[in-house]
Amino acid sequence: MKIEIATTKDLNILHKLIQKQFLEHEIDYEDDQLKSAIDQMLTNDSLGFFLIAKEKNQSLGFAVISFAWTLEHGGKSAWLDELYVLPEHRNAGIGSAIVDRLFIEAKEKGCLAVDLEVESDHRRAENLYVRKGFQKLDRSRWAQRI
């Protein structure tokens, strides 16, 4: 298995994987808006980057990392927006390997920290992040679409 930084040639692969993830997690989205957002990030590396786990030309999972500038971390931070492994490939260390590569790439791109959120009932994801050294913060994330 190899984990690569995605390029514009991976647009359709990422689009299909993210659609699967959003369907599994019952996340509402506008498909044209999703594809446009993927394309914009692939063509503008100041926004962030995608990682794709592949084996024998088959995509197994991905991560989406967006950049933010935070005073709390003293500068550029990586936001792990999405991490997803196809159900049939889970429990094989793919998510863990993606996070390891994320740390390397984020540091090389000048990030001082990695932030993320986990659904309150997603214990499996929490276990992964605890193993990787993340600390749970006593906060709630809020959002308003505009």
Protein backbone atom coordinates (compact mmCIF):
# COMPACT_ATOMS: atom_id res chain seq x y z
CA MET A 1 0.00 0.00 0.00
CA LYS A 2 1.13 3.53 -0.70
CA ILE A 3 -0.22 6.85 0.46
CA GLU A 4 0.12 9.69 -2.01
CA ILE A 5 -0.72 13.36 -2.17
CA ALA A 6 -3.61 13.61 -4.61
CA THR A 7 -3.36 15.55 -7.86
CA THR A 8 -5.96 16.86 -10.30
CA LYS A 9 -6.03 13.43 -11.98
CA ASP A 10 -7.57 12.08 -8.76
CA LEU A 11 -10.60 14.40 -8.85
CA ASN A 12 -13.14 11.74 -9.85
CA ILE A 13 -11.71 9.14 -7.47
CA LEU A 14 -11.89 11.56 -4.55
CA HIS A 15 -15.38 12.65 -5.54
CA LYS A 16 -16.64 9.05 -5.47
CA LEU A 17 -14.91 8.25 -2.18
CA ILE A 18 -16.27 11.37 -0.48
CA GLN A 19 -19.76 10.62 -1.79
CA LYS A 20 -19.50 7.15 -0.19
CA GLN A 21 -18.35 8.64 3.10
CA PHE A 22 -21.09 11.27 3.15
CA LEU A 23 -23.72 8.64 2.35
CA GLU A 24 -22.44 6.33 5.11
CA HIS A 25 -22.47 9.17 7.66
CA GLU A 26 -25.73 10.68 6.37
CA ILE A 27 -24.14 14.04 5.56
CA ASP A 28 -26.21 16.28 3.30
CA TYR A 29 -24.34 18.00 0.49
CA GLU A 30 -24.77 19.61 -2.90
CA ASP A 31 -22.94 17.40 -5.39
CA ASP A 32 -21.85 20.18 -7.76
CA GLN A 33 -20.60 22.22 -4.81
CA LEU A 34 -18.70 19.20 -3.44
CA LYS A 35 -16.97 18.49 -6.75
CA SER A 36 -16.08 22.16 -7.16
CA ALA A 37 -14.61 22.31 -3.64
CA ILE A 38 -12.49 19.22 -4.32
CA ASP A 39 -11.27 20.70 -7.60
CA GLN A 40 -10.42 24.03 -5.99
CA MET A 41 -8.32 22.37 -3.29
CA LEU A 42 -6.55 20.18 -5.85
CA THR A 43 -5.61 23.23 -7.92
CA ASN A 44 -4.73 25.59 -5.05
CA ASP A 45 -2.25 24.07 -2.61
CA SER A 46 -2.56 27.07 -0.27
CA LEU A 47 -5.97 25.66 0.76
CA GLY A 48 -4.70 22.26 1.86
CA PHE A 49 -4.19 18.82 0.37
CA PHE A 50 -5.64 15.34 -0.03
CA LEU A 51 -3.98 12.04 0.80
CA ILE A 52 -5.11 8.85 -0.92
CA ALA A 53 -4.25 5.31 0.18
CA LYS A 54 -3.88 3.01 -2.82
CA GLU A 55 -2.97 -0.58 -3.44
CA LYS A 56 -2.65 -2.04 -6.93
CA ASN A 57 -4.44 0.97 -8.47
CA GLN A 58 -7.37 0.56 -6.06
CA SER A 59 -8.23 3.45 -3.75
CA LEU A 60 -8.72 2.30 -0.15
CA GLY A 61 -9.25 5.56 1.71
CA PHE A 62 -8.39 9.23 1.88
CA ALA A 63 -7.86 12.26 4.09
CA VAL A 64 -8.69 15.90 3.44
CA ILE A 65 -6.47 18.44 5.17
CA SER A 66 -7.37 22.14 5.11
CA PHE A 67 -5.08 24.87 6.33
CA ALA A 68 -6.03 27.44 8.95
CA TRP A 69 -4.18 30.24 10.71
CA THR A 70 -4.77 30.07 14.45
CA LEU A 71 -3.52 32.19 17.30
CA GLU A 72 -3.94 29.24 19.65
CA HIS A 73 -1.24 27.30 17.81
CA GLY A 74 0.82 30.34 16.90
CA GLY A 75 0.33 30.16 13.15
CA LYS A 76 -0.51 27.69 10.41
CA SER A 77 -2.50 24.65 11.45
CA ALA A 78 -3.75 21.59 9.59
CA TRP A 79 -7.45 20.80 9.96
CA LEU A 80 -8.14 17.11 9.36
CA ASP A 81 -11.46 17.76 7.66
CA GLU A 82 -12.16 14.17 6.61
CA LEU A 83 -10.56 10.76 7.11
CA TYR A 84 -12.25 7.77 5.55
CA VAL A 85 -11.38 4.17 4.80
CA LEU A 86 -13.74 2.03 2.73
CA PRO A 87 -15.58 -0.40 5.02
CA GLU A 88 -14.14 -3.48 3.34
CA HIS A 89 -10.58 -2.26 4.05
CA ARG A 90 -10.97 -1.25 7.69
CA ASN A 91 -8.98 -2.87 10.53
CA ALA A 92 -5.89 -3.13 8.34
CA GLY A 93 -3.99 -0.08 9.63
CA ILE A 94 -4.87 2.15 6.68
CA GLY A 95 -6.32 4.97 8.76
CA SER A 96 -3.30 4.88 11.04
CA ALA A 97 -0.92 5.01 8.07
CA ILE A 98 -2.81 7.96 6.58
CA VAL A 99 -2.52 9.87 9.88
CA ASP A 100 1.22 9.11 10.04
CA ARG A 101 1.68 10.51 6.52
CA LEU A 102 -0.52 13.48 7.41
CA PHE A 103 1.85 14.44 10.24
CA ILE A 104 4.84 14.32 7.88
CA GLU A 105 3.18 16.33 5.11
CA ALA A 106 1.63 18.91 7.44
CA LYS A 107 4.95 19.55 9.16
CA GLU A 108 6.73 19.86 5.79
CA LYS A 109 4.09 22.40 4.74
CA GLY A 110 4.76 24.55 7.81
CA CYS A 111 1.93 23.47 10.10
CA LEU A 112 2.45 23.69 13.84
CA ALA A 113 -0.51 21.51 14.87
CA VAL A 114 -3.25 19.25 13.57
CA ASP A 115 -6.85 19.79 14.69
CA LEU A 116 -9.88 17.60 14.04
CA GLU A 117 -13.35 16.78 15.25
CA VAL A 118 -15.00 13.44 15.92
CA GLU A 119 -18.70 12.66 16.04
CA SER A 120 -19.66 12.05 19.67
CA ASP A 121 -20.60 8.40 19.04
CA HIS A 122 -17.64 7.49 16.82
CA ARG A 123 -15.53 5.59 19.37
CA ARG A 124 -13.49 3.82 16.74
CA ALA A 125 -12.18 7.11 15.37
CA GLU A 126 -11.54 8.38 18.88
CA ASN A 127 -9.42 5.30 19.62
CA LEU A 128 -7.31 5.93 16.52
CA TYR A 129 -6.68 9.54 17.45
CA VAL A 130 -5.80 8.68 21.06
CA ARG A 131 -3.26 6.12 19.77
CA LYS A 132 -1.78 8.85 17.56
CA GLY A 133 -1.31 11.24 20.49
CA PHE A 134 -4.26 13.62 20.00
CA GLN A 135 -5.78 15.11 23.14
CA LYS A 136 -9.51 15.61 23.53
CA LEU A 137 -10.44 19.23 24.15
CA ASP A 138 -13.37 20.22 26.32
CA ARG A 139 -15.18 22.17 23.60
CA SER A 140 -18.11 21.99 21.26
CA ARG A 141 -17.86 22.88 17.60
CA TRP A 142 -20.62 25.05 16.21
CA ALA A 143 -21.42 26.02 12.62
CA GLN A 144 -23.84 28.15 10.62
CA ARG A 145 -24.07 27.92 6.85
CA ILE A 146 -24.19 31.30 5.15
